[in-house]
């Protein structure tokens, strides 16, 4: 894959936390304009990997290049939208006030209009005037996702954005993710729910800090001879254990 076709390039990445190797020589590329799923059980290193990509994680070795720049480079600040597992919004502001504030920080042309746009994208229009602190957990998560959508990010890094959401809203968000990708934005979306794997263009499957697969859903099914992606993942786990 040429450099111009790659949004994220990770090569030999190692991260040590608390004396334990959390990521063990992880390497992969994320194609531009794709919806790439980062899947694996809780504790396998997904969040640490995402932190390394957005440049807030100390690494022990390897390189991470994002949109042609080293991860964490100041030139990337307005090019990456990042939604963490914990909602990063202000409880004492309304949804509209919160999103308008963050849009102003990003210096978008019309902060109020951009706030309305992302509020509609995450289906919070009916709650726009409510205090963030009075929202449900799922609604706060959507408000945090809306922050990541502000402006015109070239890369969206979303850490389990659909956790705790009902099936209808999860489906709506995945439709939104693909609509955003069609406009040229690259999305890296983590999840520990394997039924979301089929919604991705590419899959990165992790377990215990190791990348088990970097493939399309179709390629993973063909490689493992399993039609069900959860069974395909289990097949890869067994193969890795046998090879250890």
Foldseek 3Di string as FASTA:
>chain_A
DDPVQFFKWWAQWWAADPNRTLAGGDTDTFTWLFEEEEEEDPSNCLVVVLCLQQPNGDTDDTFMAGRNHGRPPPVQPLQEQEFAPQQPFDQAAFLQVGQLVLLVVSVDPRSNVQSVVLCVLQPNPVRRGPGLNPDDPLVSLSSSVSSSVGDLHQEYEYEASCPPHDPVSVVSNLVSVSVSSVVGHYYYYYDHDQVCLLSTQWYFYTGNNYTLDTGGLVVLCVVQVHPRRVVSNVSSVVVVVVVD
